[in-house]
């Protein structure tokens, strides 16, 4: 059909084997299942199918061993493997592509790769959850100041703080599991866009490759990258969660906060200031999140104007997903190590707990328990805080007469809810930082993460 040679610049511009070569194992798995199916349906003989499968296994072994030479002029990993197969077994190798197109072949390989990536990321998320839960025993009873607007708000147990991240990561895991359902649909056999006239058994291939179902519409299948974008979105949320954690711990490790000592194995020094211990791993975790967010945006823009069905633009999807996956996986691995080895500076934290009037809300709710409307109680405690601020003392240091001046119902029992320890003990609601509630949650997480 073509009457001349391809311009070498076009070959360089259009090739994808430089990055999609990592799909080789998935490509061989898909082609192996396809060959077995073609034998069952009579398109291939059993001998031809075995010959193809044996050739594919040899090629996969050579790629894994590093001796296989990928050729740029063959564009992608799929054509490289197919040409190598034909070179080895001749015309029998030319029969492998019967009943499929590169369009559905690429989508199948990519889905298999993402499915494996989802399982790996999920495992890393579990490792990080375990790192947080493992802190609960050694940080039992430690009280931290909780913040809103980066201002001290209410006291919380350290274990309540650790489990907050377990909850975020669990939502990430459920999103991954939900995404996996849509990833795990087999497109192979939908061919270029309209299906095939060849009698094939797509369900057999789906069963062999572990897909839950087959894609129902060939036209949709050829153009669909929803599964890749959804995976990139979930990775972005994971990265965002890691970034907020990193930002918080960067602050905590400063001299101004001094709540936390980071393990030096995950920090670096300064080229000019010998006293510096810089939280580079945390800063890069925060910084690399920008890459993951950018990759998602690239994918969304990539597909926004594409008509049905396949368009070559879709070649640009893989690098974005590969990069986000590798970035998030590396961040998760290092985050788990940092979480496991960092130490709370308990004495510093305890020394400053009486700052910020962390018990003010508890005192307000104490008044509510005495029958005072919430808005009225809020105003009364606001006045008492103002008095304490003028004197530069905690609420617990105010005199009984000062409390009674604020409201006649206050008596000496007010001191039973003042101070961070009493404030913590006063919590009751499910999901709160109440010691009994936190203990239940810790036990639940330990049981959940056993396997």
Protein backbone atom coordinates (compact mmCIF):
# COMPACT_ATOMS: atom_id res chain seq x y z
CA UNK A 1 0.00 0.00 0.00
CA UNK A 2 2.81 2.41 0.90
CA UNK A 3 5.07 3.32 -1.99
CA UNK A 4 8.13 4.52 -0.10
CA UNK A 5 10.25 4.14 3.00
CA UNK A 6 9.17 5.73 6.27
CA UNK A 7 11.13 8.82 7.20
CA UNK A 8 13.50 7.83 10.04
CA UNK A 9 12.30 10.86 11.98
CA UNK A 10 8.76 9.48 11.84
CA UNK A 11 9.97 6.13 13.16
CA UNK A 12 11.60 7.90 16.09
CA UNK A 13 8.56 10.12 16.65
CA UNK A 14 5.99 7.31 16.61
CA UNK A 15 7.82 4.53 18.43
CA UNK A 16 6.64 3.46 21.86
CA UNK A 17 8.84 0.44 22.50
CA UNK A 18 11.20 2.62 24.53
CA UNK A 19 8.57 2.67 27.28
CA UNK A 20 5.96 0.00 26.49
CA UNK A 21 8.59 -2.75 26.50
CA UNK A 22 7.65 -3.20 30.16
CA UNK A 23 4.38 -4.73 28.95
CA UNK A 24 6.23 -7.71 27.48
CA UNK A 25 5.14 -10.20 30.17
CA UNK A 26 1.50 -9.15 29.82
CA UNK A 27 1.76 -9.30 26.03
CA UNK A 28 3.08 -12.86 26.16
CA UNK A 29 0.38 -13.87 28.67
CA UNK A 30 -2.35 -12.43 26.46
CA UNK A 31 -0.96 -13.98 23.29
CA UNK A 32 -0.55 -17.36 24.96
CA UNK A 33 -4.20 -17.37 26.04
CA UNK A 34 -5.24 -16.20 22.57
CA UNK A 35 -3.26 -19.03 20.94
CA UNK A 36 -4.87 -21.64 23.17
CA UNK A 37 -8.29 -20.26 22.32
CA UNK A 38 -7.55 -20.32 18.58
CA UNK A 39 -6.64 -23.99 18.90
CA UNK A 40 -9.83 -24.80 20.78
CA UNK A 41 -11.97 -23.05 18.15
CA UNK A 42 -10.15 -24.81 15.29
CA UNK A 43 -8.37 -21.79 13.84
CA UNK A 44 -5.05 -23.34 14.83
CA UNK A 45 -4.07 -26.96 15.25
CA UNK A 46 -2.94 -28.09 18.67
CA UNK A 47 0.59 -28.45 17.30
CA UNK A 48 0.57 -24.92 15.91
CA UNK A 49 -0.70 -23.53 19.18
CA UNK A 50 2.00 -25.32 21.16
CA UNK A 51 4.64 -24.12 18.70
CA UNK A 52 3.49 -20.51 19.15
CA UNK A 53 3.35 -20.79 22.92
CA UNK A 54 6.80 -22.34 23.10
CA UNK A 55 8.19 -19.54 20.94
CA UNK A 56 6.53 -16.89 23.08
CA UNK A 57 7.97 -18.40 26.24
CA UNK A 58 11.47 -18.37 24.77
CA UNK A 59 11.10 -14.72 23.77
CA UNK A 60 9.82 -13.77 27.23
CA UNK A 61 12.77 -15.54 28.82
CA UNK A 62 15.22 -13.65 26.63
CA UNK A 63 13.56 -10.30 27.40
CA UNK A 64 13.65 -11.05 31.11
CA UNK A 65 17.30 -12.02 30.82
CA UNK A 66 18.22 -8.88 28.93
CA UNK A 67 19.43 -10.56 25.73
CA UNK A 68 16.47 -9.61 23.53
CA UNK A 69 17.08 -6.65 21.23
CA UNK A 70 14.07 -4.38 20.70
CA UNK A 71 13.90 -2.69 17.30
CA UNK A 72 12.62 0.87 17.09
CA UNK A 73 11.42 0.48 13.51
CA UNK A 74 8.90 -2.12 14.73
CA UNK A 75 7.24 0.62 16.81
CA UNK A 76 6.11 -1.20 19.92
CA UNK A 77 6.56 -4.20 22.17
CA UNK A 78 3.71 -6.07 20.46
CA UNK A 79 5.20 -5.95 16.96
CA UNK A 80 8.68 -6.69 18.31
CA UNK A 81 7.47 -9.88 19.94
CA UNK A 82 5.35 -10.91 16.96
CA UNK A 83 8.20 -10.34 14.48
CA UNK A 84 10.60 -12.30 16.68
CA UNK A 85 8.06 -15.13 16.80
CA UNK A 86 7.68 -15.16 13.01
CA UNK A 87 11.44 -15.11 12.54
CA UNK A 88 11.70 -18.20 14.74
CA UNK A 89 8.77 -20.35 13.67
CA UNK A 90 7.84 -18.96 10.27
CA UNK A 91 4.31 -18.76 8.89
CA UNK A 92 2.77 -20.41 11.94
CA UNK A 93 3.71 -17.25 13.84
CA UNK A 94 1.76 -15.18 11.31
CA UNK A 95 -1.43 -16.93 12.40
CA UNK A 96 -1.27 -15.65 15.99
CA UNK A 97 -2.85 -12.28 15.19
CA UNK A 98 -6.01 -13.91 13.81
CA UNK A 99 -9.18 -12.52 15.39
CA UNK A 100 -7.54 -9.57 17.10
CA UNK A 101 -6.04 -6.14 16.38
CA UNK A 102 -3.29 -4.21 18.05
CA UNK A 103 -6.06 -2.00 19.42
CA UNK A 104 -7.59 -4.69 21.61
CA UNK A 105 -4.19 -6.29 22.19
CA UNK A 106 -2.77 -3.05 23.62
CA UNK A 107 -5.82 -2.52 25.82
CA UNK A 108 -5.59 -6.08 27.13
CA UNK A 109 -1.90 -5.79 27.97
CA UNK A 110 -2.43 -2.43 29.64
CA UNK A 111 -5.31 -3.75 31.72
CA UNK A 112 -3.22 -6.72 32.82
CA UNK A 113 -0.37 -4.39 33.80
CA UNK A 114 -2.66 -2.04 35.73
CA UNK A 115 -4.33 -4.97 37.45
CA UNK A 116 -0.92 -6.13 38.70
CA UNK A 117 -0.04 -2.55 39.68
CA UNK A 118 -3.25 -2.20 41.68
CA UNK A 119 -2.38 -5.31 43.66
CA UNK A 120 1.14 -3.99 44.34
CA UNK A 121 -0.05 -0.55 45.42
CA UNK A 122 -2.69 -2.14 47.66
CA UNK A 123 0.01 -4.20 49.34
CA UNK A 124 2.09 -1.04 49.92
CA UNK A 125 -0.93 0.68 51.44
CA UNK A 126 -1.36 -2.21 53.86
CA UNK A 127 2.32 -1.96 54.83
CA UNK A 128 1.84 1.72 55.64
CA UNK A 129 -1.31 1.03 57.63
CA UNK A 130 0.62 -1.56 59.63
CA UNK A 131 3.36 0.99 60.28
CA UNK A 132 0.83 3.42 61.74
CA UNK A 133 -0.89 0.74 63.82
CA UNK A 134 2.46 -0.55 65.09
CA UNK A 135 3.04 2.85 66.69
CA UNK A 136 -0.07 2.51 68.83
CA UNK A 137 1.55 0.29 71.44
CA UNK A 138 4.60 2.48 72.01
CA UNK A 139 2.62 5.74 71.89
CA UNK A 140 -0.18 4.52 74.15
CA UNK A 141 -1.53 7.39 76.26
CA UNK A 142 0.43 10.15 74.53
CA UNK A 143 -1.69 13.28 74.04
CA UNK A 144 -1.16 15.61 71.08
CA UNK A 145 -2.60 19.02 70.33
CA UNK A 146 -5.10 18.76 67.50
CA UNK A 147 -5.24 21.61 65.01
CA UNK A 148 -7.72 23.39 62.77
CA UNK A 149 -6.55 26.30 60.62
CA UNK A 150 -3.11 25.36 61.98
CA UNK A 151 -4.26 26.76 65.34
CA UNK A 152 -4.46 24.63 68.47
CA UNK A 153 -7.99 23.32 68.82
CA UNK A 154 -8.56 20.25 71.03
CA UNK A 155 -6.44 17.48 72.53
CA UNK A 156 -6.29 14.11 70.78
CA UNK A 157 -4.60 10.84 71.61
CA UNK A 158 -1.58 10.05 69.45
CA UNK A 159 -3.18 6.71 68.60
CA UNK A 160 -6.27 8.54 67.35
CA UNK A 161 -3.97 10.52 65.07
CA UNK A 162 -2.24 7.38 63.71
CA UNK A 163 -5.58 5.74 62.98
CA UNK A 164 -6.79 8.82 61.11
CA UNK A 165 -4.25 7.99 58.42
CA UNK A 166 -5.30 4.34 58.46
CA UNK A 167 -8.80 5.50 57.57
CA UNK A 168 -7.56 7.65 54.68
CA UNK A 169 -5.49 4.77 53.35
CA UNK A 170 -8.42 2.39 53.71
CA UNK A 171 -10.51 4.65 51.48
CA UNK A 172 -7.67 4.52 48.97
CA UNK A 173 -7.76 0.72 49.15
CA UNK A 174 -11.51 0.57 48.58
CA UNK A 175 -11.16 2.91 45.60
CA UNK A 176 -8.45 0.67 44.18
CA UNK A 177 -10.64 -2.40 44.64
CA UNK A 178 -13.54 -0.66 42.92
CA UNK A 179 -11.29 0.49 40.09
CA UNK A 180 -10.00 -3.07 39.69
CA UNK A 181 -13.50 -4.26 38.86
CA UNK A 182 -13.62 -2.00 35.80
CA UNK A 183 -10.02 -2.72 34.85
CA UNK A 184 -10.70 -6.43 34.95
CA UNK A 185 -12.82 -6.60 31.79
CA UNK A 186 -11.33 -8.36 28.76
CA UNK A 187 -11.23 -6.36 25.50
CA UNK A 188 -9.31 -8.99 23.50
CA UNK A 189 -11.35 -10.24 20.57
CA UNK A 190 -13.13 -6.95 19.93
CA UNK A 191 -10.44 -6.44 17.25
CA UNK A 192 -9.95 -3.02 15.64
CA UNK A 193 -13.39 -1.59 16.40
CA UNK A 194 -16.16 -3.79 14.97
CA UNK A 195 -15.31 -7.27 16.20
CA UNK A 196 -14.29 -10.18 13.98
CA UNK A 197 -15.92 -12.64 11.60
CA UNK A 198 -13.66 -15.38 12.95
CA UNK A 199 -15.32 -17.80 15.34
CA UNK A 200 -13.54 -17.11 18.62
CA UNK A 201 -14.25 -17.75 22.30
CA UNK A 202 -13.61 -14.55 24.23
CA UNK A 203 -14.90 -15.98 27.50
CA UNK A 204 -12.27 -18.72 27.39
CA UNK A 205 -9.54 -16.11 27.11
CA UNK A 206 -11.11 -14.09 29.92
CA UNK A 207 -11.18 -17.14 32.18
CA UNK A 208 -7.56 -18.03 31.45
CA UNK A 209 -6.32 -14.51 32.10
CA UNK A 210 -8.40 -14.04 35.23
CA UNK A 211 -10.74 -11.36 33.87
CA UNK A 212 -14.12 -11.13 35.55
CA UNK A 213 -15.99 -10.45 32.32
CA UNK A 214 -15.59 -9.47 28.67
CA UNK A 215 -16.09 -5.97 27.28
CA UNK A 216 -19.56 -5.92 25.68
CA UNK A 217 -19.18 -3.33 22.92
CA UNK A 218 -16.32 -3.51 20.44
CA UNK A 219 -16.58 0.14 19.42
CA UNK A 220 -16.38 1.32 23.02
CA UNK A 221 -13.59 -1.12 23.80
CA UNK A 222 -11.27 0.26 21.14
CA UNK A 223 -11.41 3.82 22.49
CA UNK A 224 -11.86 3.23 26.21
CA UNK A 225 -9.20 4.50 28.59
CA UNK A 226 -11.53 5.14 31.51
CA UNK A 227 -9.84 2.34 33.42
CA UNK A 228 -6.42 3.98 33.10
CA UNK A 229 -7.70 7.43 34.04
CA UNK A 230 -9.58 6.05 37.03
CA UNK A 231 -6.44 4.28 38.23
CA UNK A 232 -4.46 7.50 37.79
CA UNK A 233 -7.11 9.33 39.82
CA UNK A 234 -6.87 6.86 42.69
CA UNK A 235 -3.08 7.14 42.61
CA UNK A 236 -3.47 10.91 42.77
CA UNK A 237 -5.57 10.69 45.93
CA UNK A 238 -3.01 8.35 47.48
CA UNK A 239 -0.29 10.85 46.63
CA UNK A 240 -2.36 13.70 48.05
CA UNK A 241 -2.76 11.83 51.33
CA UNK A 242 0.97 11.21 51.50
CA UNK A 243 1.66 14.85 50.70
CA UNK A 244 -0.51 16.15 53.55
CA UNK A 245 1.19 13.70 55.92
CA UNK A 246 4.60 14.84 54.71
CA UNK A 247 3.71 18.51 55.14
CA UNK A 248 2.52 17.91 58.68
CA UNK A 249 5.61 15.96 59.69
CA UNK A 250 7.90 18.53 58.07
CA UNK A 251 6.32 21.13 60.35
CA UNK A 252 6.48 18.82 63.36
CA UNK A 253 10.20 18.22 62.83
CA UNK A 254 11.10 21.94 62.84
CA UNK A 255 12.67 23.61 65.86
CA UNK A 256 9.52 25.71 66.16
CA UNK A 257 7.32 22.65 66.69
CA UNK A 258 9.91 20.07 67.80
CA UNK A 259 7.22 17.43 68.15
CA UNK A 260 9.05 14.80 66.13
CA UNK A 261 12.53 13.47 65.48
CA UNK A 262 12.87 12.00 62.00
CA UNK A 263 15.17 9.01 61.42
CA UNK A 264 18.42 10.38 60.02
CA UNK A 265 18.63 7.54 57.49
CA UNK A 266 15.81 9.32 55.63
CA UNK A 267 17.22 12.85 55.90
CA UNK A 268 20.12 14.68 54.26
CA UNK A 269 22.54 17.42 55.22
CA UNK A 270 23.32 20.83 53.81
CA UNK A 271 26.25 21.57 51.51
CA UNK A 272 27.08 24.70 53.52
CA UNK A 273 25.33 24.55 56.91
CA UNK A 274 26.78 21.72 58.99
CA UNK A 275 23.99 21.73 61.58
CA UNK A 276 21.19 20.99 59.11
CA UNK A 277 19.22 17.74 59.06
CA UNK A 278 16.81 18.23 56.18
CA UNK A 279 13.61 16.17 55.71
CA UNK A 280 14.31 15.57 52.01
CA UNK A 281 12.31 12.34 51.73
CA UNK A 282 9.24 14.09 53.07
CA UNK A 283 9.79 17.15 50.91
CA UNK A 284 10.20 15.01 47.80
CA UNK A 285 7.10 13.03 48.70
CA UNK A 286 5.24 16.32 48.81
CA UNK A 287 6.94 17.48 45.60
CA UNK A 288 6.44 14.27 43.62
CA UNK A 289 2.71 14.56 44.27
CA UNK A 290 2.75 17.37 41.71
CA UNK A 291 3.94 14.87 39.08
CA UNK A 292 1.13 12.48 39.91
CA UNK A 293 -1.46 15.27 39.75
CA UNK A 294 0.03 16.43 36.44
CA UNK A 295 -0.13 12.93 34.98
CA UNK A 296 -3.83 12.71 35.78
CA UNK A 297 -4.45 16.06 34.16
CA UNK A 298 -2.51 14.95 31.07
CA UNK A 299 -4.69 11.86 30.73
CA UNK A 300 -7.90 13.84 31.10
CA UNK A 301 -6.81 16.31 28.45
CA UNK A 302 -5.56 13.48 26.22
CA UNK A 303 -9.00 11.94 25.77
CA UNK A 304 -11.20 15.03 25.94
CA UNK A 305 -11.51 15.51 22.16
CA UNK A 306 -11.07 12.00 20.77
CA UNK A 307 -13.78 10.58 18.52
CA UNK A 308 -14.64 6.89 18.46
CA UNK A 309 -12.83 4.58 18.07
CA UNK A 310 -9.02 4.14 18.36
CA UNK A 311 -6.75 7.13 17.78
CA UNK A 312 -2.96 7.13 17.98
CA UNK A 313 -3.14 9.80 20.68
CA UNK A 314 -3.84 6.96 23.10
CA UNK A 315 -0.22 5.87 22.80
CA UNK A 316 0.51 8.74 25.20
CA UNK A 317 -1.42 7.14 28.05
CA UNK A 318 1.13 4.62 29.24
CA UNK A 319 4.03 6.82 30.26
CA UNK A 320 1.73 8.85 32.49
CA UNK A 321 0.35 5.75 34.22
CA UNK A 322 3.77 4.11 34.50
CA UNK A 323 5.24 7.23 36.06
CA UNK A 324 2.42 7.74 38.56
CA UNK A 325 2.54 4.08 39.60
CA UNK A 326 6.29 4.04 40.14
CA UNK A 327 6.22 7.39 41.95
CA UNK A 328 3.43 6.43 44.36
CA UNK A 329 4.90 3.00 45.01
CA UNK A 330 8.29 4.50 45.92
CA UNK A 331 6.67 7.14 48.14
CA UNK A 332 4.59 4.52 49.96
CA UNK A 333 7.60 2.32 50.61
CA UNK A 334 9.66 5.14 52.13
CA UNK A 335 6.71 6.58 54.04
CA UNK A 336 6.17 3.27 55.83
CA UNK A 337 9.84 3.22 56.84
CA UNK A 338 9.75 6.81 58.14
CA UNK A 339 6.51 6.26 60.08
CA UNK A 340 7.89 3.14 61.71
CA UNK A 341 11.16 4.76 62.85
CA UNK A 342 10.29 8.38 63.73
CA UNK A 343 10.04 9.30 67.41
CA UNK A 344 7.65 11.66 69.14
CA UNK A 345 9.38 14.17 71.40
CA UNK A 346 7.05 13.43 74.28
CA UNK A 347 8.54 15.76 76.85
CA UNK A 348 8.37 18.74 74.50
CA UNK A 349 4.79 17.92 73.53
CA UNK A 350 3.68 17.45 77.14
CA UNK A 351 5.38 20.64 78.27
CA UNK A 352 3.32 22.70 75.80
CA UNK A 353 -0.03 20.98 76.10
CA UNK A 354 -1.47 23.65 78.37
CA UNK A 355 -1.01 26.24 75.61
CA UNK A 356 -3.84 27.11 73.27
CA UNK A 357 -6.74 26.35 75.64
CA UNK A 358 -7.30 22.86 74.24
CA UNK A 359 -9.86 22.20 77.00
CA UNK A 360 -12.11 25.15 76.12
CA UNK A 361 -14.55 23.13 74.00
CA UNK A 362 -14.81 20.46 76.70
CA UNK A 363 -15.64 23.17 79.22
CA UNK A 364 -18.30 24.56 76.88
CA UNK A 365 -19.87 21.10 76.57
CA UNK A 366 -19.76 20.79 80.37
CA UNK A 367 -21.96 23.90 80.54
CA UNK A 368 -24.28 22.40 77.94
CA UNK A 369 -24.63 19.41 80.27
CA UNK A 370 -25.81 21.82 82.95
CA UNK A 371 -28.66 22.90 80.70
CA UNK A 372 -27.10 26.03 79.19
CA UNK A 373 -27.78 26.51 75.44
CA UNK A 374 -24.77 25.88 73.21
CA UNK A 375 -24.53 29.43 71.86
CA UNK A 376 -24.73 30.86 75.36
CA UNK A 377 -22.14 28.40 76.65
CA UNK A 378 -19.88 29.27 73.72
CA UNK A 379 -20.06 32.95 74.65
CA UNK A 380 -19.40 32.30 78.35
CA UNK A 381 -16.30 30.20 77.67
CA UNK A 382 -15.06 32.72 75.15
CA UNK A 383 -15.16 35.30 77.93
CA UNK A 384 -13.29 33.01 80.32
CA UNK A 385 -10.61 32.33 77.71
CA UNK A 386 -10.18 36.08 77.26
CA UNK A 387 -9.66 36.43 81.03
CA UNK A 388 -7.11 33.60 81.06
CA UNK A 389 -5.30 35.05 78.04
CA UNK A 390 -4.92 38.40 79.79
CA UNK A 391 -3.39 36.65 82.77
CA UNK A 392 -1.38 34.32 80.49
CA UNK A 393 -2.56 31.27 82.41
CA UNK A 394 -4.46 28.11 81.43
CA UNK A 395 -8.18 27.87 82.22
CA UNK A 396 -7.46 25.50 85.08
CA UNK A 397 -5.53 28.28 86.86
CA UNK A 398 -8.52 30.64 87.02
CA UNK A 399 -10.09 31.02 90.45
CA UNK A 400 -13.48 29.59 91.36
CA UNK A 401 -14.80 33.13 91.82
CA UNK A 402 -13.80 33.95 88.25
CA UNK A 403 -15.72 30.93 86.99
CA UNK A 404 -18.76 31.82 89.07
CA UNK A 405 -18.62 35.40 87.80
CA UNK A 406 -18.95 34.00 84.31
CA UNK A 407 -21.97 31.85 85.29
CA UNK A 408 -23.54 31.02 88.63
CA UNK A 409 -23.96 27.31 87.82
CA UNK A 410 -20.20 26.78 87.80
CA UNK A 411 -18.82 25.32 91.02
CA UNK A 412 -15.69 23.44 92.09
CA UNK A 413 -16.65 20.50 89.84
CA UNK A 414 -15.56 22.59 86.87
CA UNK A 415 -11.97 21.67 87.61
CA UNK A 416 -12.77 18.01 86.88
CA UNK A 417 -13.00 18.73 83.14
CA UNK A 418 -10.11 21.18 82.87
CA UNK A 419 -6.66 20.26 81.62
CA UNK A 420 -5.91 18.08 78.60
CA UNK A 421 -6.03 14.75 80.46
CA UNK A 422 -9.46 15.50 81.89
CA UNK A 423 -10.61 16.84 78.54
CA UNK A 424 -9.54 13.62 76.81
CA UNK A 425 -11.30 11.54 79.46
CA UNK A 426 -14.52 13.50 78.97
CA UNK A 427 -15.04 12.43 75.35
CA UNK A 428 -17.83 9.92 74.77
CA UNK A 429 -18.95 9.74 71.13
CA UNK A 430 -18.22 6.91 68.72
CA UNK A 431 -15.25 7.77 66.51
CA UNK A 432 -13.93 10.33 68.99
CA UNK A 433 -10.58 10.48 70.76
CA UNK A 434 -12.12 8.97 73.91
CA UNK A 435 -9.62 6.46 75.33
CA UNK A 436 -12.14 3.60 75.30
CA UNK A 437 -13.17 4.37 71.72
CA UNK A 438 -9.59 4.64 70.51
CA UNK A 439 -8.70 1.34 72.23
CA UNK A 440 -11.55 -0.35 70.36
CA UNK A 441 -10.38 1.10 67.06
CA UNK A 442 -6.79 0.02 67.66
CA UNK A 443 -7.97 -3.52 68.37
CA UNK A 444 -10.14 -3.48 65.25
CA UNK A 445 -7.25 -2.34 63.05
CA UNK A 446 -4.88 -4.91 64.50
CA UNK A 447 -7.39 -7.64 63.72
CA UNK A 448 -8.09 -6.28 60.23
CA UNK A 449 -4.41 -6.13 59.30
CA UNK A 450 -3.46 -9.57 60.60
CA UNK A 451 -3.48 -11.24 57.21
